[in-house]
Amino acid sequence: KQSEALVKAIMTHDKANMFEVAPNVLTRTRATKPQARHEKRRAREKNLENAFSVPSPEKIRGRIIILVDDVTTTGATLVSAKRAIASARPKKVLAFTVAH
């Protein structure tokens, strides 16, 4: 929810319509425990293994994708999301995070 709010705020400044929001391109494939409950980096990574998928890879193939996350601690969420997105062969995957 926080990431969606960030994207909406950013989009209000996109006067040239340079970006397209695609909230359903990346989906969670299974329920995971909140990352804050895991203190160790490896536990966070394990918690998110295979947690995301791209149901319609043709929507992102060859495109530049920007992942938005509100807080990054170990980067496990972004890494897991990037792995799922990479399988769809985008041109490039970037990450935008507000807090670390």
C-alpha atoms as a PDB file:
ATOM      1  CA  LYS A   1       0.000   0.000   0.000  1.00  0.00           C
ATOM      2  CA  GLN A   2       2.810   2.447   0.826  1.00  0.00           C
ATOM      3  CA  SER A   3       4.526   1.797  -2.492  1.00  0.00           C
ATOM      4  CA  GLU A   4       1.287   2.403  -4.361  1.00  0.00           C
ATOM      5  CA  ALA A   5       0.902   5.752  -2.568  1.00  0.00           C
ATOM      6  CA  LEU A   6       4.461   6.673  -3.593  1.00  0.00           C
ATOM      7  CA  VAL A   7       3.768   5.846  -7.218  1.00  0.00           C
ATOM      8  CA  LYS A   8       0.561   7.896  -7.212  1.00  0.00           C
ATOM      9  CA  ALA A   9       2.462  10.875  -5.765  1.00  0.00           C
ATOM     10  CA  ILE A  10       5.208  10.547  -8.383  1.00  0.00           C
ATOM     11  CA  MET A  11       2.677  10.244 -11.194  1.00  0.00           C
ATOM     12  CA  THR A  12       1.079  13.577 -10.294  1.00  0.00           C
ATOM     13  CA  HIS A  13       4.338  15.176 -11.493  1.00  0.00           C
ATOM     14  CA  ASP A  14       4.571  13.178 -14.735  1.00  0.00           C
ATOM     15  CA  LYS A  15       3.261  15.951 -16.993  1.00  0.00           C
ATOM     16  CA  ALA A  16       4.963  14.495 -20.078  1.00  0.00           C
ATOM     17  CA  ASN A  17       3.333  11.067 -19.555  1.00  0.00           C
ATOM     18  CA  MET A  18       6.726   9.397 -19.567  1.00  0.00           C
ATOM     19  CA  PHE A  19       5.672   6.599 -17.215  1.00  0.00           C
ATOM     20  CA  GLU A  20       2.963   3.993 -17.218  1.00  0.00           C
ATOM     21  CA  VAL A  21       1.796   2.430 -13.958  1.00  0.00           C
ATOM     22  CA  ALA A  22       1.278  -1.307 -14.144  1.00  0.00           C
ATOM     23  CA  PRO A  23       0.323  -2.487 -10.649  1.00  0.00           C
ATOM     24  CA  ASN A  24      -0.629  -6.040 -11.656  1.00  0.00           C
ATOM     25  CA  VAL A  25       2.408  -6.935 -13.751  1.00  0.00           C
ATOM     26  CA  LEU A  26       4.148  -8.439 -10.723  1.00  0.00           C
ATOM     27  CA  THR A  27       2.018 -10.594  -8.450  1.00  0.00           C
ATOM     28  CA  ARG A  28       2.670 -12.345  -5.166  1.00  0.00           C
ATOM     29  CA  THR A  29       2.444 -16.107  -5.655  1.00  0.00           C
ATOM     30  CA  ARG A  30       2.303 -17.031  -1.987  1.00  0.00           C
ATOM     31  CA  ALA A  31       1.745 -15.447   1.385  1.00  0.00           C
ATOM     32  CA  THR A  32       4.927 -14.471   3.215  1.00  0.00           C
ATOM     33  CA  LYS A  33       5.616 -13.306   6.727  1.00  0.00           C
ATOM     34  CA  PRO A  34       6.345  -9.573   7.147  1.00  0.00           C
ATOM     35  CA  GLN A  35      10.039  -8.931   6.542  1.00  0.00           C
ATOM     36  CA  ALA A  36      10.341  -6.971   9.794  1.00  0.00           C
ATOM     37  CA  ARG A  37       9.869 -10.245  11.685  1.00  0.00           C
ATOM     38  CA  HIS A  38      13.113 -11.613  10.234  1.00  0.00           C
ATOM     39  CA  GLU A  39      16.295 -10.106  11.614  1.00  0.00           C
ATOM     40  CA  LYS A  40      18.840 -12.078   9.618  1.00  0.00           C
ATOM     41  CA  ARG A  41      19.479 -11.348   5.953  1.00  0.00           C
ATOM     42  CA  ARG A  42      19.307 -15.031   4.930  1.00  0.00           C
ATOM     43  CA  ALA A  43      15.944 -15.467   6.710  1.00  0.00           C
ATOM     44  CA  ARG A  44      14.550 -12.492   4.782  1.00  0.00           C
ATOM     45  CA  GLU A  45      15.835 -13.907   1.494  1.00  0.00           C
ATOM     46  CA  LYS A  46      14.405 -17.361   2.251  1.00  0.00           C
ATOM     47  CA  ASN A  47      11.048 -15.837   3.204  1.00  0.00           C
ATOM     48  CA  LEU A  48      10.737 -14.278  -0.257  1.00  0.00           C
ATOM     49  CA  GLU A  49      12.132 -17.076  -2.451  1.00  0.00           C
ATOM     50  CA  ASN A  50       9.764 -17.604  -5.373  1.00  0.00           C
ATOM     51  CA  ALA A  51       7.238 -15.226  -3.799  1.00  0.00           C
ATOM     52  CA  PHE A  52       6.548 -13.292  -7.022  1.00  0.00           C
ATOM     53  CA  SER A  53       5.603 -14.053 -10.606  1.00  0.00           C
ATOM     54  CA  VAL A  54       4.828 -12.209 -13.824  1.00  0.00           C
ATOM     55  CA  PRO A  55       1.512 -13.566 -15.150  1.00  0.00           C
ATOM     56  CA  SER A  56       1.756 -11.715 -18.489  1.00  0.00           C
ATOM     57  CA  PRO A  57       5.445 -11.517 -19.443  1.00  0.00           C
ATOM     58  CA  GLU A  58       4.641 -10.029 -22.843  1.00  0.00           C
ATOM     59  CA  LYS A  59       3.601  -6.810 -21.085  1.00  0.00           C
ATOM     60  CA  ILE A  60       7.154  -6.111 -19.906  1.00  0.00           C
ATOM     61  CA  ARG A  61       9.354  -7.866 -22.471  1.00  0.00           C
ATOM     62  CA  GLY A  62      11.859  -5.354 -23.851  1.00  0.00           C
ATOM     63  CA  ARG A  63      10.680  -2.508 -21.603  1.00  0.00           C
ATOM     64  CA  ILE A  64      12.413  -0.573 -18.831  1.00  0.00           C
ATOM     65  CA  ILE A  65      10.839  -1.526 -15.509  1.00  0.00           C
ATOM     66  CA  ILE A  66      11.059   0.550 -12.326  1.00  0.00           C
ATOM     67  CA  LEU A  67      10.342  -1.297  -9.085  1.00  0.00           C
ATOM     68  CA  VAL A  68       9.121   0.951  -6.272  1.00  0.00           C
ATOM     69  CA  ASP A  69       9.573  -0.031  -2.626  1.00  0.00           C
ATOM     70  CA  ASP A  70       8.936   2.158   0.378  1.00  0.00           C
ATOM     71  CA  VAL A  71      11.695   0.757   2.621  1.00  0.00           C
ATOM     72  CA  THR A  72      14.702  -1.395   1.779  1.00  0.00           C
ATOM     73  CA  THR A  73      16.679  -3.027   4.551  1.00  0.00           C
ATOM     74  CA  THR A  74      18.477  -6.019   3.057  1.00  0.00           C
ATOM     75  CA  GLY A  75      17.045  -5.653  -0.444  1.00  0.00           C
ATOM     76  CA  ALA A  76      15.485  -9.133  -0.319  1.00  0.00           C
ATOM     77  CA  THR A  77      12.107  -7.948  -1.628  1.00  0.00           C
ATOM     78  CA  LEU A  78      13.649  -6.103  -4.562  1.00  0.00           C
ATOM     79  CA  VAL A  79      15.949  -9.023  -5.402  1.00  0.00           C
ATOM     80  CA  SER A  80      13.069 -11.500  -5.367  1.00  0.00           C
ATOM     81  CA  ALA A  81      10.888  -9.188  -7.459  1.00  0.00           C
ATOM     82  CA  LYS A  82      13.724  -8.559  -9.926  1.00  0.00           C
ATOM     83  CA  ARG A  83      14.299 -12.295 -10.383  1.00  0.00           C
ATOM     84  CA  ALA A  84      10.663 -12.810 -11.307  1.00  0.00           C
ATOM     85  CA  ILE A  85      10.678  -9.830 -13.670  1.00  0.00           C
ATOM     86  CA  ALA A  86      13.984 -10.869 -15.282  1.00  0.00           C
ATOM     87  CA  SER A  87      12.363 -14.099 -16.459  1.00  0.00           C
ATOM     88  CA  ALA A  88      10.143 -11.953 -18.723  1.00  0.00           C
ATOM     89  CA  ARG A  89      13.244 -10.430 -20.399  1.00  0.00           C
ATOM     90  CA  PRO A  90      12.763  -6.700 -19.833  1.00  0.00           C
ATOM     91  CA  LYS A  91      15.248  -4.260 -21.342  1.00  0.00           C
ATOM     92  CA  LYS A  92      16.316  -3.086 -17.891  1.00  0.00           C
ATOM     93  CA  VAL A  93      15.127  -3.284 -14.278  1.00  0.00           C
ATOM     94  CA  LEU A  94      15.658  -0.294 -11.971  1.00  0.00           C
ATOM     95  CA  ALA A  95      14.699   0.149  -8.323  1.00  0.00           C
ATOM     96  CA  PHE A  96      13.413   3.225  -6.517  1.00  0.00           C
ATOM     97  CA  THR A  97      13.346   3.202  -2.718  1.00  0.00           C
ATOM     98  CA  VAL A  98      12.511   6.037  -0.335  1.00  0.00           C
ATOM     99  CA  ALA A  99      14.183   4.767   2.824  1.00  0.00           C
ATOM    100  CA  HIS A 100      17.024   2.423   3.694  1.00  0.00           C
END
